[in-house]
N, C-alpha and C. Protein backbone atom coordinates (compact mmCIF):
# COMPACT_ATOMS: atom_id res chain seq x y z
N MET A 1 12.57 -68.28 95.46
CA MET A 1 12.82 -67.14 94.00
C MET A 1 11.40 -67.20 92.99
N THR A 2 11.66 -65.68 92.89
CA THR A 2 10.43 -65.41 91.74
C THR A 2 11.04 -65.61 90.11
N ALA A 3 10.21 -65.21 89.03
CA ALA A 3 10.69 -64.91 87.94
C ALA A 3 11.21 -63.95 87.88
N ALA A 4 10.65 -62.37 88.59
CA ALA A 4 11.49 -61.07 88.46
C ALA A 4 12.58 -61.03 89.80
N SER A 5 13.29 -62.65 90.09
CA SER A 5 14.92 -62.19 90.76
C SER A 5 15.67 -61.52 90.61
N PRO A 6 16.15 -60.65 91.22
CA PRO A 6 17.46 -60.15 90.25
C PRO A 6 18.09 -60.55 90.18
N LEU A 7 19.74 -60.97 88.96
CA LEU A 7 20.80 -60.77 88.77
C LEU A 7 21.47 -61.39 90.06
N PRO A 8 21.66 -62.79 89.94
CA PRO A 8 22.15 -63.05 91.00
C PRO A 8 23.99 -62.19 91.04
N GLN A 9 24.89 -61.88 92.29
CA GLN A 9 26.22 -61.64 92.11
C GLN A 9 27.16 -62.26 91.13
N THR A 10 27.00 -63.49 91.49
CA THR A 10 27.94 -64.57 90.28
C THR A 10 27.75 -64.20 88.95
N GLU A 11 26.57 -63.79 88.70
CA GLU A 11 25.98 -63.87 87.27
C GLU A 11 26.71 -62.50 86.97
N ALA A 12 26.93 -61.35 87.56
CA ALA A 12 26.99 -60.29 87.19
C ALA A 12 28.49 -59.70 87.37
N THR A 13 29.04 -60.57 87.94
CA THR A 13 31.00 -60.74 88.35
C THR A 13 31.29 -61.53 86.78
N LEU A 14 30.53 -62.87 86.86
CA LEU A 14 31.06 -63.52 85.57
C LEU A 14 30.90 -62.93 84.06
N GLY A 15 29.75 -61.96 84.15
CA GLY A 15 29.41 -61.31 83.10
C GLY A 15 28.16 -61.96 81.78
N VAL A 16 27.51 -63.18 83.10
CA VAL A 16 26.96 -64.02 82.36
C VAL A 16 25.07 -63.95 82.36
N GLU A 17 24.58 -63.67 80.92
CA GLU A 17 23.42 -62.86 81.20
C GLU A 17 22.46 -64.39 81.35
N PRO A 18 21.10 -63.10 82.33
CA PRO A 18 20.19 -64.46 82.34
C PRO A 18 19.43 -65.27 80.94
N LYS A 19 18.74 -66.13 81.26
CA LYS A 19 18.10 -66.71 80.44
C LYS A 19 16.16 -66.70 80.54
N PRO A 20 15.73 -65.53 80.34
CA PRO A 20 14.45 -65.87 80.39
C PRO A 20 13.33 -67.14 80.47
N ALA A 21 13.97 -67.69 79.02
CA ALA A 21 13.01 -69.28 78.80
C ALA A 21 13.44 -70.46 79.99
N ALA A 22 15.05 -70.48 80.62
CA ALA A 22 14.90 -71.40 81.23
C ALA A 22 14.90 -71.10 82.44
N GLU A 23 14.88 -69.92 82.98
CA GLU A 23 14.66 -69.30 84.10
C GLU A 23 13.09 -69.86 84.35
N ALA A 24 12.63 -69.46 83.47
CA ALA A 24 10.33 -69.34 83.38
C ALA A 24 10.36 -71.37 83.90
N GLY A 25 11.08 -72.34 82.74
CA GLY A 25 11.39 -73.37 82.83
C GLY A 25 11.58 -74.10 84.10
N PHE A 26 12.52 -73.87 84.72
CA PHE A 26 13.16 -74.11 85.91
C PHE A 26 11.92 -73.89 87.39
N ILE A 27 11.56 -72.40 86.94
CA ILE A 27 10.67 -72.29 88.34
C ILE A 27 9.34 -72.97 87.79
N SER A 28 8.85 -73.42 86.82
CA SER A 28 7.42 -73.92 85.95
C SER A 28 8.04 -75.55 87.31
N ASP A 29 8.80 -75.65 86.88
CA ASP A 29 9.43 -77.45 87.38
C ASP A 29 9.63 -77.47 88.78
N LEU A 30 10.21 -76.37 89.35
CA LEU A 30 10.01 -76.21 90.91
C LEU A 30 8.83 -76.14 91.42
N MET A 31 7.67 -75.07 90.65
CA MET A 31 6.10 -75.03 91.43
C MET A 31 5.51 -76.32 91.36
N SER A 32 5.45 -77.07 90.13
CA SER A 32 5.22 -78.42 89.42
C SER A 32 5.52 -79.47 90.69
N GLU A 33 6.81 -79.02 90.55
CA GLU A 33 7.33 -80.52 92.45
C GLU A 33 6.84 -79.96 93.76
N LEU A 34 6.48 -78.73 94.27
CA LEU A 34 6.36 -78.39 95.54
C LEU A 34 4.39 -78.89 95.68
N GLU A 35 3.85 -78.70 94.46
CA GLU A 35 2.28 -78.83 94.14
C GLU A 35 1.83 -80.95 94.37
N GLN A 36 3.00 -81.50 94.00
CA GLN A 36 3.09 -83.15 93.64
C GLN A 36 3.08 -82.81 95.19
N ARG A 37 4.21 -82.42 95.97
CA ARG A 37 4.31 -82.39 97.74
C ARG A 37 3.46 -82.61 98.24
N ALA A 38 2.60 -81.11 98.03
CA ALA A 38 1.13 -81.05 98.42
C ALA A 38 0.20 -81.69 98.63
N GLU A 39 0.18 -82.91 97.53
CA GLU A 39 -0.56 -83.67 97.40
C GLU A 39 -0.45 -85.07 97.70
N ARG A 40 0.86 -85.26 97.81
CA ARG A 40 1.50 -86.27 98.66
C ARG A 40 0.85 -86.76 100.01
N PRO A 41 0.10 -87.66 100.20
CA PRO A 41 -0.73 -87.89 100.95
C PRO A 41 0.61 -87.97 102.75
N LEU A 42 0.38 -87.62 103.40
CA LEU A 42 1.43 -87.51 104.72
C LEU A 42 1.52 -88.66 104.77
N GLY A 43 0.62 -89.46 104.83
CA GLY A 43 0.61 -91.35 106.11
C GLY A 43 1.51 -91.88 104.62
N ALA A 44 2.11 -91.53 103.56
CA ALA A 44 3.15 -92.55 102.39
C ALA A 44 3.94 -92.91 103.10
N GLY A 45 5.04 -91.99 103.97
CA GLY A 45 6.19 -92.26 104.51
C GLY A 45 5.99 -93.00 105.63
N LEU A 46 4.61 -93.49 106.11
CA LEU A 46 4.39 -94.12 107.23
C LEU A 46 4.20 -95.73 106.98
N ASP A 47 3.49 -95.87 106.06
CA ASP A 47 3.61 -96.90 104.96
C ASP A 47 4.90 -97.76 104.73
N GLN A 48 5.42 -96.67 104.36
CA GLN A 48 6.84 -97.56 103.90
C GLN A 48 7.75 -98.16 105.25
N ILE A 49 7.07 -97.69 106.37
CA ILE A 49 8.46 -97.60 108.05
C ILE A 49 7.26 -99.09 108.48
N GLU A 50 5.88 -98.70 108.12
CA GLU A 50 4.67 -100.42 108.26
C GLU A 50 5.41 -101.09 107.61
N ARG A 51 5.78 -101.22 106.24
CA ARG A 51 6.45 -102.61 105.04
C ARG A 51 7.56 -102.88 106.17
N ALA A 52 8.33 -102.24 106.35
CA ALA A 52 10.10 -102.34 107.26
C ALA A 52 9.40 -103.50 107.73
N PHE A 53 8.23 -103.85 108.62
CA PHE A 53 7.97 -104.94 109.69
C PHE A 53 7.91 -105.94 109.38
N GLY A 54 7.10 -106.39 107.90
CA GLY A 54 7.37 -107.45 107.26
C GLY A 54 5.80 -108.22 107.71
N ARG A 55 5.99 -109.22 108.03
CA ARG A 55 4.89 -110.32 107.72
C ARG A 55 4.52 -110.05 109.85
N HIS A 56 5.64 -109.51 110.66
CA HIS A 56 5.33 -109.21 111.84
C HIS A 56 3.99 -107.92 112.01
N PHE A 57 4.17 -107.09 111.39
CA PHE A 57 3.40 -106.27 111.23
C PHE A 57 1.57 -106.48 111.17
N PHE A 58 1.47 -107.64 110.48
CA PHE A 58 0.32 -108.40 110.53
C PHE A 58 0.03 -109.03 111.60
N ASP A 59 0.85 -109.17 112.54
CA ASP A 59 -0.11 -110.19 113.88
C ASP A 59 -1.28 -108.98 114.00
N GLU A 60 -2.29 -109.58 114.12
CA GLU A 60 -3.54 -109.29 114.71
C GLU A 60 -3.76 -108.81 115.92
N ARG A 61 -3.09 -109.51 116.47
CA ARG A 61 -3.11 -109.34 118.21
C ARG A 61 -2.95 -108.02 118.14
N ALA A 62 -2.10 -107.16 118.22
CA ALA A 62 -1.28 -106.23 118.30
C ALA A 62 -1.91 -104.78 117.25
N ARG A 63 -2.97 -104.94 116.84
CA ARG A 63 -3.82 -104.65 115.54
C ARG A 63 -4.58 -103.06 116.34
N SER A 64 -4.84 -103.53 117.45
CA SER A 64 -5.54 -102.16 118.18
C SER A 64 -4.01 -101.01 118.47
N GLY A 65 -2.62 -101.59 119.08
CA GLY A 65 -1.74 -100.84 119.24
C GLY A 65 -1.69 -99.96 118.27
N VAL A 66 -1.18 -100.75 116.83
CA VAL A 66 -0.81 -100.35 115.80
C VAL A 66 -1.17 -99.23 115.13
N GLN A 67 -2.71 -99.35 115.24
CA GLN A 67 -3.55 -98.72 114.83
C GLN A 67 -3.46 -96.70 115.28
N ALA A 68 -3.11 -97.25 117.20
CA ALA A 68 -2.85 -95.74 118.07
C ALA A 68 -1.66 -95.43 117.47
N ALA A 69 -0.58 -96.36 117.13
CA ALA A 69 0.73 -95.73 116.59
C ALA A 69 0.70 -94.97 115.82
N ARG A 70 0.13 -95.71 114.97
CA ARG A 70 0.01 -94.80 113.47
C ARG A 70 -1.41 -93.52 113.41
N ALA A 71 -2.44 -94.16 114.19
CA ALA A 71 -3.10 -92.24 114.61
C ALA A 71 -1.91 -90.89 115.23
N ARG A 72 -0.98 -91.62 116.25
CA ARG A 72 -0.19 -90.60 117.24
C ARG A 72 0.57 -90.02 115.94
N ALA A 73 1.65 -91.02 114.89
CA ALA A 73 2.02 -90.54 113.65
C ALA A 73 1.96 -89.76 113.39
N LEU A 74 0.78 -89.79 112.81
CA LEU A 74 -0.08 -89.13 111.76
C LEU A 74 -0.32 -87.54 112.29
N ARG A 75 -0.47 -87.75 113.72
CA ARG A 75 -1.12 -86.44 114.10
C ARG A 75 0.18 -85.01 113.82
N LEU A 76 1.43 -86.08 114.41
CA LEU A 76 2.63 -85.21 114.76
C LEU A 76 3.28 -84.85 113.05
N THR A 77 2.74 -85.37 112.12
CA THR A 77 3.54 -85.54 110.56
C THR A 77 2.42 -84.62 110.40
N GLU A 78 1.29 -84.67 110.50
CA GLU A 78 -0.02 -83.24 109.96
C GLU A 78 1.05 -82.24 111.06
N SER A 79 0.66 -82.27 112.30
CA SER A 79 1.62 -80.89 112.81
C SER A 79 3.24 -80.71 112.36
N ALA A 80 3.65 -81.24 112.19
CA ALA A 80 4.96 -80.86 111.57
C ALA A 80 4.72 -80.57 109.74
N GLY A 81 4.12 -80.88 109.25
CA GLY A 81 4.14 -80.60 107.83
C GLY A 81 4.79 -81.75 107.16
N CYS A 82 5.58 -82.48 107.42
CA CYS A 82 6.22 -83.44 106.62
C CYS A 82 6.63 -84.76 107.95
N LEU A 83 7.02 -85.45 107.34
CA LEU A 83 7.63 -86.44 108.30
C LEU A 83 8.52 -86.74 108.43
N THR A 84 8.90 -86.22 109.88
CA THR A 84 10.65 -85.88 110.05
C THR A 84 11.37 -87.31 110.35
N GLU A 85 12.78 -87.39 110.50
CA GLU A 85 13.20 -88.69 111.42
C GLU A 85 13.10 -88.78 112.59
N ALA A 86 12.78 -88.09 113.33
CA ALA A 86 12.45 -87.62 114.71
C ALA A 86 10.93 -88.54 114.76
N ILE A 87 9.71 -88.38 114.28
CA ILE A 87 8.59 -88.78 113.81
C ILE A 87 8.90 -90.30 113.31
N ALA A 88 9.33 -90.62 112.61
CA ALA A 88 9.76 -91.61 111.90
C ALA A 88 10.16 -92.92 113.09
N LEU A 89 11.09 -92.51 113.79
CA LEU A 89 11.70 -93.00 114.92
C LEU A 89 10.68 -93.33 115.74
N THR A 90 10.06 -92.23 116.02
CA THR A 90 8.80 -92.07 117.26
C THR A 90 8.30 -93.74 116.74
N PHE A 91 7.41 -93.26 115.63
CA PHE A 91 6.60 -94.43 114.85
C PHE A 91 7.16 -95.69 114.79
N ALA A 92 8.40 -96.10 114.50
CA ALA A 92 9.12 -97.42 114.65
C ALA A 92 8.96 -98.07 115.78
N GLY A 93 9.62 -96.76 117.33
CA GLY A 93 9.55 -97.67 118.56
C GLY A 93 8.19 -97.63 118.70
N ASP A 94 7.45 -97.17 118.64
CA ASP A 94 5.96 -96.92 119.53
C ASP A 94 5.32 -99.00 118.44
N LEU A 95 5.76 -98.97 117.03
CA LEU A 95 5.80 -100.28 116.26
C LEU A 95 5.86 -101.46 117.21
N LEU A 96 7.72 -101.32 117.23
CA LEU A 96 8.39 -102.37 117.90
C LEU A 96 8.33 -102.73 119.02
N VAL A 97 7.57 -101.61 119.97
CA VAL A 97 6.65 -102.19 121.39
C VAL A 97 5.75 -102.72 121.39
N CYS A 98 4.33 -102.20 120.19
CA CYS A 98 3.08 -102.92 120.42
C CYS A 98 3.52 -104.71 120.02
N LEU A 99 4.56 -105.25 119.00
CA LEU A 99 4.67 -106.08 118.74
C LEU A 99 5.28 -107.13 119.55
N ALA A 100 6.21 -105.99 120.63
CA ALA A 100 7.15 -107.22 121.28
C ALA A 100 6.30 -107.14 122.70
N VAL A 101 4.91 -106.64 122.83
CA VAL A 101 4.02 -106.78 124.10
C VAL A 101 3.52 -108.40 123.84
N GLU A 102 2.63 -108.43 121.83
CA GLU A 102 2.62 -109.52 121.99
C GLU A 102 3.30 -111.01 122.20
N ARG A 103 4.44 -110.50 121.20
CA ARG A 103 5.27 -112.04 121.55
C ARG A 103 7.05 -110.97 121.61
N PRO A 104 8.05 -111.69 121.91
CA PRO A 104 9.50 -111.64 122.07
C PRO A 104 9.96 -111.35 120.52
N TRP A 105 10.86 -110.46 120.42
CA TRP A 105 11.11 -110.03 119.15
C TRP A 105 12.74 -111.29 118.94
N LYS A 106 12.83 -111.90 118.08
CA LYS A 106 13.78 -112.48 117.49
C LYS A 106 15.26 -111.79 116.84
N ALA A 107 16.62 -112.05 117.60
CA ALA A 107 17.31 -110.89 117.24
C ALA A 107 17.24 -110.87 115.61
N GLU A 108 17.70 -112.16 115.03
CA GLU A 108 17.43 -111.93 114.11
C GLU A 108 16.78 -111.42 112.41
N ASP A 109 15.44 -111.62 113.38
CA ASP A 109 14.03 -110.36 112.72
C ASP A 109 14.38 -109.01 113.35
N VAL A 110 14.58 -108.89 114.04
CA VAL A 110 14.93 -107.20 114.63
C VAL A 110 16.14 -106.69 113.60
N ARG A 111 16.95 -107.66 113.32
CA ARG A 111 18.25 -107.09 112.57
C ARG A 111 18.15 -106.99 110.87
N ARG A 112 17.04 -107.84 110.67
CA ARG A 112 16.30 -107.14 109.41
C ARG A 112 15.61 -106.19 109.31
N VAL A 113 14.93 -105.89 110.43
CA VAL A 113 13.97 -104.42 110.17
C VAL A 113 14.79 -103.25 110.12
N VAL A 114 15.72 -103.48 111.22
CA VAL A 114 16.62 -102.17 111.41
C VAL A 114 17.40 -101.93 109.68
N ALA A 115 17.48 -103.03 109.70
CA ALA A 115 18.47 -102.95 108.45
C ALA A 115 17.23 -101.74 107.14
N LYS A 116 16.09 -102.59 107.22
CA LYS A 116 15.33 -101.83 105.85
C LYS A 116 15.29 -100.45 106.53
N LEU A 117 14.84 -100.01 107.58
CA LEU A 117 14.55 -99.11 108.01
C LEU A 117 15.99 -97.98 108.37
N GLY A 118 16.84 -98.60 108.35
CA GLY A 118 18.12 -97.86 108.22
C GLY A 118 18.36 -97.38 106.70
N GLY A 119 17.79 -98.35 105.84
CA GLY A 119 17.32 -97.66 104.20
C GLY A 119 16.91 -96.47 104.04
N LEU A 120 16.16 -96.46 104.74
CA LEU A 120 14.86 -95.62 104.64
C LEU A 120 14.97 -94.37 105.27
N LEU A 121 16.06 -94.15 106.39
CA LEU A 121 16.48 -93.53 107.31
C LEU A 121 18.07 -92.76 106.73
N ARG A 122 18.64 -93.25 105.71
CA ARG A 122 19.72 -93.38 105.03
C ARG A 122 20.36 -93.36 106.74
N SER A 123 20.64 -94.39 107.28
CA SER A 123 21.78 -94.54 108.69
C SER A 123 22.43 -95.87 108.78
N SER A 124 23.38 -96.11 109.18
CA SER A 124 23.70 -97.16 109.06
C SER A 124 22.43 -97.78 110.29
N PRO A 125 22.78 -99.18 110.18
CA PRO A 125 22.13 -100.22 111.37
C PRO A 125 22.53 -100.14 112.59
N GLU A 126 23.57 -99.62 112.89
CA GLU A 126 24.01 -99.64 113.96
C GLU A 126 23.53 -98.26 115.21
N THR A 127 23.40 -97.19 114.26
CA THR A 127 22.68 -95.76 114.75
C THR A 127 21.33 -95.94 114.75
N THR A 128 20.75 -96.92 113.82
CA THR A 128 19.36 -96.96 113.64
C THR A 128 18.71 -97.69 115.17
N ALA A 129 19.10 -98.66 115.43
CA ALA A 129 18.71 -99.47 116.35
C ALA A 129 19.16 -99.02 117.70
N ALA A 130 20.29 -98.33 117.97
CA ALA A 130 20.37 -96.89 118.76
C ALA A 130 19.51 -96.24 119.08
N GLN A 131 19.05 -95.57 117.97
CA GLN A 131 17.52 -94.23 117.88
C GLN A 131 16.26 -95.20 118.13
N ILE A 132 16.57 -96.06 117.68
CA ILE A 132 14.96 -96.87 117.77
C ILE A 132 14.22 -97.47 119.34
N LEU A 133 15.92 -98.04 119.82
CA LEU A 133 16.25 -98.27 121.51
C LEU A 133 15.34 -97.33 122.31
N LEU A 134 16.10 -95.96 121.99
CA LEU A 134 16.03 -94.72 122.95
C LEU A 134 14.50 -94.51 122.50
N TRP A 135 13.65 -94.31 121.31
CA TRP A 135 12.28 -94.15 121.59
C TRP A 135 11.44 -94.93 121.95
N SER A 136 11.52 -96.40 121.29
CA SER A 136 10.78 -97.59 122.08
C SER A 136 10.89 -97.27 123.62
N LEU A 137 11.48 -97.77 124.58
CA LEU A 137 11.91 -96.99 126.04
C LEU A 137 11.36 -95.97 126.24
N ARG A 138 10.73 -95.35 125.44
CA ARG A 138 9.99 -94.15 125.89
C ARG A 138 8.48 -94.30 125.26
N ALA A 139 7.65 -95.33 124.71
CA ALA A 139 6.84 -95.60 124.44
C ALA A 139 5.86 -95.09 124.95
N PRO A 140 4.60 -94.70 124.42
CA PRO A 140 3.57 -94.71 126.36
C PRO A 140 3.01 -95.97 126.42
N GLN A 141 3.19 -96.88 125.55
CA GLN A 141 2.15 -97.78 125.63
C GLN A 141 3.00 -98.76 126.79
N LEU A 142 4.04 -98.35 127.00
CA LEU A 142 4.47 -99.46 127.73
C LEU A 142 3.64 -98.85 129.36
N SER A 143 3.59 -97.54 130.17
CA SER A 143 3.02 -97.04 130.89
C SER A 143 1.88 -97.77 130.83
N GLU A 144 1.17 -98.44 129.86
CA GLU A 144 -0.19 -98.82 130.16
C GLU A 144 -0.65 -100.18 130.45
N LEU A 145 0.90 -100.91 130.59
CA LEU A 145 0.88 -102.21 130.87
C LEU A 145 1.00 -102.32 132.19
N PRO A 146 1.38 -103.86 132.83
CA PRO A 146 1.52 -104.14 134.26
C PRO A 146 3.08 -103.78 134.38
N PRO A 147 3.48 -103.64 135.84
CA PRO A 147 4.98 -103.14 135.49
C PRO A 147 5.92 -104.37 135.10
N CYS A 148 5.26 -105.54 135.71
CA CYS A 148 6.60 -106.50 135.30
C CYS A 148 6.51 -106.87 133.58
N VAL A 149 5.29 -106.44 133.13
CA VAL A 149 5.04 -106.84 131.53
C VAL A 149 5.86 -105.62 131.15
N GLY A 150 6.16 -104.14 131.28
CA GLY A 150 6.26 -103.57 130.78
C GLY A 150 8.19 -103.44 131.50
N LEU A 151 8.28 -103.94 132.37
CA LEU A 151 9.62 -104.30 132.34
C LEU A 151 10.33 -105.47 131.56
N ASP A 152 9.59 -106.32 131.14
CA ASP A 152 9.61 -107.62 130.61
C ASP A 152 9.77 -107.12 129.33
N VAL A 153 9.05 -106.37 128.48
CA VAL A 153 8.96 -105.71 126.92
C VAL A 153 10.51 -104.75 126.71
N GLN A 154 10.89 -104.28 127.98
CA GLN A 154 11.78 -103.39 127.66
C GLN A 154 13.15 -103.94 127.43
N LEU A 155 13.36 -105.02 129.06
CA LEU A 155 14.46 -105.82 128.80
C LEU A 155 14.61 -106.65 127.51
N SER A 156 13.62 -107.19 126.64
CA SER A 156 13.40 -107.82 125.06
C SER A 156 14.19 -106.99 124.51
N LEU A 157 13.73 -106.04 124.49
CA LEU A 157 14.35 -104.13 123.09
C LEU A 157 15.46 -104.53 123.21
N LEU A 158 15.78 -104.78 125.06
CA LEU A 158 17.09 -103.88 125.04
C LEU A 158 18.16 -105.32 124.57
N VAL A 159 18.06 -106.49 124.79
CA VAL A 159 18.02 -107.61 123.82
C VAL A 159 18.02 -107.75 122.52
N ALA A 160 17.16 -107.40 121.91
CA ALA A 160 16.57 -107.37 120.35
C ALA A 160 17.77 -106.19 119.69
N LEU A 161 18.00 -105.02 119.84
CA LEU A 161 18.37 -104.07 119.67
C LEU A 161 20.06 -103.70 120.54
N THR A 162 20.88 -104.31 121.06
CA THR A 162 22.42 -104.14 121.23
C THR A 162 23.08 -105.47 121.26
N PRO A 163 24.10 -105.39 121.48
CA PRO A 163 24.87 -106.68 121.66
C PRO A 163 24.77 -107.14 122.50
N ALA A 164 24.05 -107.00 124.02
CA ALA A 164 23.89 -108.00 124.91
C ALA A 164 23.11 -109.10 124.80
N VAL A 165 22.96 -110.38 124.98
CA VAL A 165 22.57 -111.50 124.50
C VAL A 165 21.64 -112.05 125.84
N GLU A 166 22.19 -111.31 127.07
CA GLU A 166 20.60 -111.76 127.68
C GLU A 166 20.64 -110.53 129.13
N ALA A 167 19.64 -110.51 129.56
CA ALA A 167 19.11 -109.16 130.87
C ALA A 167 18.44 -109.35 131.68
N SER A 168 18.71 -109.20 132.92
CA SER A 168 17.91 -109.54 134.00
C SER A 168 17.45 -108.40 134.95
N LEU A 169 17.07 -107.99 135.73
CA LEU A 169 17.05 -106.81 136.74
C LEU A 169 16.21 -107.46 138.00
N TRP A 170 17.17 -107.09 138.83
CA TRP A 170 16.88 -107.43 140.19
C TRP A 170 16.53 -106.09 141.30
N SER A 171 16.07 -106.99 142.41
CA SER A 171 15.98 -105.41 143.19
C SER A 171 15.98 -106.67 144.90
N LYS A 172 15.71 -106.07 145.99
CA LYS A 172 16.71 -107.15 147.34
C LYS A 172 14.93 -107.31 147.54
N ASP A 173 14.59 -108.54 148.05
CA ASP A 173 13.73 -108.99 148.78
C ASP A 173 13.50 -108.51 150.40
N ASP A 174 12.42 -108.92 150.98
CA ASP A 174 12.29 -108.51 152.95
C ASP A 174 13.65 -108.81 153.54
N ALA A 175 14.53 -109.53 153.26
CA ALA A 175 15.29 -110.30 153.61
C ALA A 175 16.90 -109.55 153.75
N GLY A 176 16.53 -108.95 152.35
CA GLY A 176 17.76 -107.92 151.71
C GLY A 176 18.71 -108.91 150.47
N ARG A 177 18.42 -109.67 150.31
CA ARG A 177 19.05 -110.71 149.19
C ARG A 177 18.53 -110.39 148.20
N PRO A 178 19.03 -110.02 147.10
CA PRO A 178 18.78 -110.35 145.65
C PRO A 178 17.65 -111.19 145.28
N GLU A 179 16.83 -110.83 144.64
CA GLU A 179 16.19 -111.68 144.20
C GLU A 179 15.49 -111.20 142.09
N PRO A 180 15.11 -111.69 140.96
CA PRO A 180 15.35 -111.63 139.86
C PRO A 180 13.66 -110.86 139.28
N LEU A 181 13.84 -109.82 139.10
CA LEU A 181 12.04 -109.52 138.76
C LEU A 181 11.51 -109.74 137.50
N VAL A 182 12.40 -109.83 136.54
CA VAL A 182 12.24 -110.13 135.25
C VAL A 182 13.79 -110.14 134.42
N SER A 183 13.60 -111.62 133.95
CA SER A 183 14.82 -111.51 132.73
C SER A 183 14.58 -112.05 131.48
N VAL A 184 15.28 -111.87 130.98
CA VAL A 184 15.87 -112.45 129.42
C VAL A 184 17.03 -113.34 129.10
N GLY A 185 16.58 -114.66 128.70
CA GLY A 185 17.96 -115.32 128.62
C GLY A 185 17.74 -116.64 129.50
N ALA A 186 18.25 -117.82 128.96
CA ALA A 186 18.35 -119.14 129.99
C ALA A 186 19.29 -118.83 130.96
N THR A 187 19.79 -117.93 131.42
CA THR A 187 21.22 -117.46 131.95
C THR A 187 21.30 -116.70 132.66
N ALA A 188 20.31 -115.79 132.54
CA ALA A 188 20.74 -114.78 133.14
C ALA A 188 19.97 -114.06 134.47
N THR A 189 19.63 -115.55 135.49
CA THR A 189 19.32 -115.49 136.81
C THR A 189 19.76 -116.80 137.60
N THR A 190 21.63 -116.77 136.63
CA THR A 190 22.62 -117.49 137.39
C THR A 190 22.91 -116.94 138.58
N ARG A 191 24.26 -117.57 139.47
CA ARG A 191 25.13 -116.98 140.51
C ARG A 191 25.85 -116.21 140.14
N ARG A 192 26.46 -116.51 138.75
CA ARG A 192 27.48 -115.14 138.46
C ARG A 192 26.64 -113.89 138.14
N PHE A 193 25.35 -113.80 137.58
CA PHE A 193 24.52 -113.08 137.50
C PHE A 193 23.98 -112.35 138.42
N ARG A 194 24.03 -113.32 139.92
CA ARG A 194 23.41 -112.83 140.74
C ARG A 194 24.51 -111.85 141.81
N THR A 195 25.38 -113.03 141.56
CA THR A 195 26.72 -112.03 142.42
C THR A 195 27.05 -110.24 142.01
N ILE A 196 26.38 -110.37 140.84
CA ILE A 196 26.81 -108.95 140.32
C ILE A 196 25.64 -108.16 140.63
N ALA A 197 24.28 -108.90 140.43
CA ALA A 197 23.70 -107.95 141.47
C ALA A 197 23.61 -107.92 142.84
N THR A 198 24.19 -108.47 143.62
CA THR A 198 24.37 -108.54 145.19
C THR A 198 25.20 -106.82 145.19
N GLU A 199 26.46 -107.11 144.28
CA GLU A 199 27.29 -106.30 144.22
C GLU A 199 27.01 -104.76 144.14
N ILE A 200 25.89 -104.67 142.60
CA ILE A 200 25.44 -103.30 142.08
C ILE A 200 24.97 -103.06 143.82
N LEU A 201 23.78 -103.97 144.43
CA LEU A 201 22.69 -103.56 144.88
C LEU A 201 23.37 -103.24 146.38
N GLY A 202 24.42 -103.19 146.52
CA GLY A 202 25.35 -103.00 147.72
C GLY A 202 25.93 -101.60 147.30
N GLY A 203 26.21 -101.40 146.15
CA GLY A 203 26.90 -100.23 145.57
C GLY A 203 28.50 -100.38 145.31
N ARG A 204 28.73 -101.23 144.73
CA ARG A 204 30.12 -101.84 144.28
C ARG A 204 29.54 -101.60 143.02
N ARG A 205 31.47 -102.67 142.50
CA ARG A 205 31.40 -102.68 141.52
C ARG A 205 29.70 -103.47 140.21
N THR A 206 30.03 -103.30 139.30
CA THR A 206 29.26 -103.43 138.04
C THR A 206 29.39 -103.84 136.98
N GLN A 207 30.88 -104.97 137.24
CA GLN A 207 30.42 -105.96 136.10
C GLN A 207 31.90 -107.08 136.68
N ASP A 208 31.54 -108.38 136.41
CA ASP A 208 32.41 -109.37 137.06
C ASP A 208 33.85 -109.20 136.36
N ASP A 209 34.58 -110.20 137.12
CA ASP A 209 36.23 -109.85 136.23
C ASP A 209 36.70 -110.57 135.35
N ARG A 210 35.34 -111.08 133.98
CA ARG A 210 35.91 -111.12 132.75
C ARG A 210 35.31 -110.07 131.50
N GLY A 211 34.58 -109.70 132.56
CA GLY A 211 33.85 -108.44 131.92
C GLY A 211 33.00 -108.76 130.86
N MET A 212 32.40 -109.63 130.96
CA MET A 212 31.20 -110.70 130.44
C MET A 212 29.73 -110.07 130.71
N ILE A 213 29.60 -110.01 131.78
CA ILE A 213 28.19 -109.60 132.75
C ILE A 213 28.64 -107.96 133.51
N VAL A 214 27.76 -107.19 132.35
CA VAL A 214 28.06 -105.62 133.05
C VAL A 214 26.71 -105.13 134.01
N GLY A 215 26.96 -104.53 134.86
CA GLY A 215 25.48 -104.37 135.41
C GLY A 215 25.58 -102.92 135.64
N ALA A 216 24.01 -102.17 135.83
CA ALA A 216 23.66 -100.88 136.13
C ALA A 216 22.79 -100.67 137.37
N PRO A 217 23.22 -99.77 138.09
CA PRO A 217 21.99 -99.34 138.62
C PRO A 217 20.68 -98.85 138.44
N VAL A 218 19.32 -98.97 138.67
CA VAL A 218 18.49 -98.77 138.27
C VAL A 218 17.77 -97.66 139.22
N ARG A 219 17.51 -95.99 139.03
CA ARG A 219 17.08 -95.18 140.01
C ARG A 219 16.04 -95.43 140.30
N ARG A 220 15.52 -95.24 141.16
CA ARG A 220 13.62 -95.13 141.00
C ARG A 220 13.25 -93.80 142.31
């Protein structure tokens, strides 16, 4: 839009005459807003996401990973010209993984973080949790960890960000019997879990009779 814009069709139809002073003021305000946006640091939105993690963000053990995640998000933001929702979710997922590597997340702590992030993204906690889980499971940091450590982090995030309260990953041993590779939860390797694991590894059912334990095959 410029000061020399032609009269809009609606104004011509309704017989409304343009007001040069009002248009000039509107354009001036618009240009001022654009200039302010241009001057605003692209990392400002990243700062808000970091603050959503509260005290957990200041775990010194995760400092190098957090710095790498921020550098990655800042490069993406600079390339896009602004902080998009996808970049924000990627950054949040990266931070969640960095901190989870050092200590498991408690469900109540994750709920608080997700609620704050949902407010920033204008999304419900459930939607925000699902989106962050999706991005965090793709975090590049996971591929840099020893396999079992990476799997343990993924399971802990699955429990923290979903209604699941326990989880375990099973494989067949040399004798063909199921054995747990990693688990999260006090009863995640009990006989009931083992029974479902046996069924899944045999290509059969994927939940117990009460529907409380649900399983899924992991293809490699």
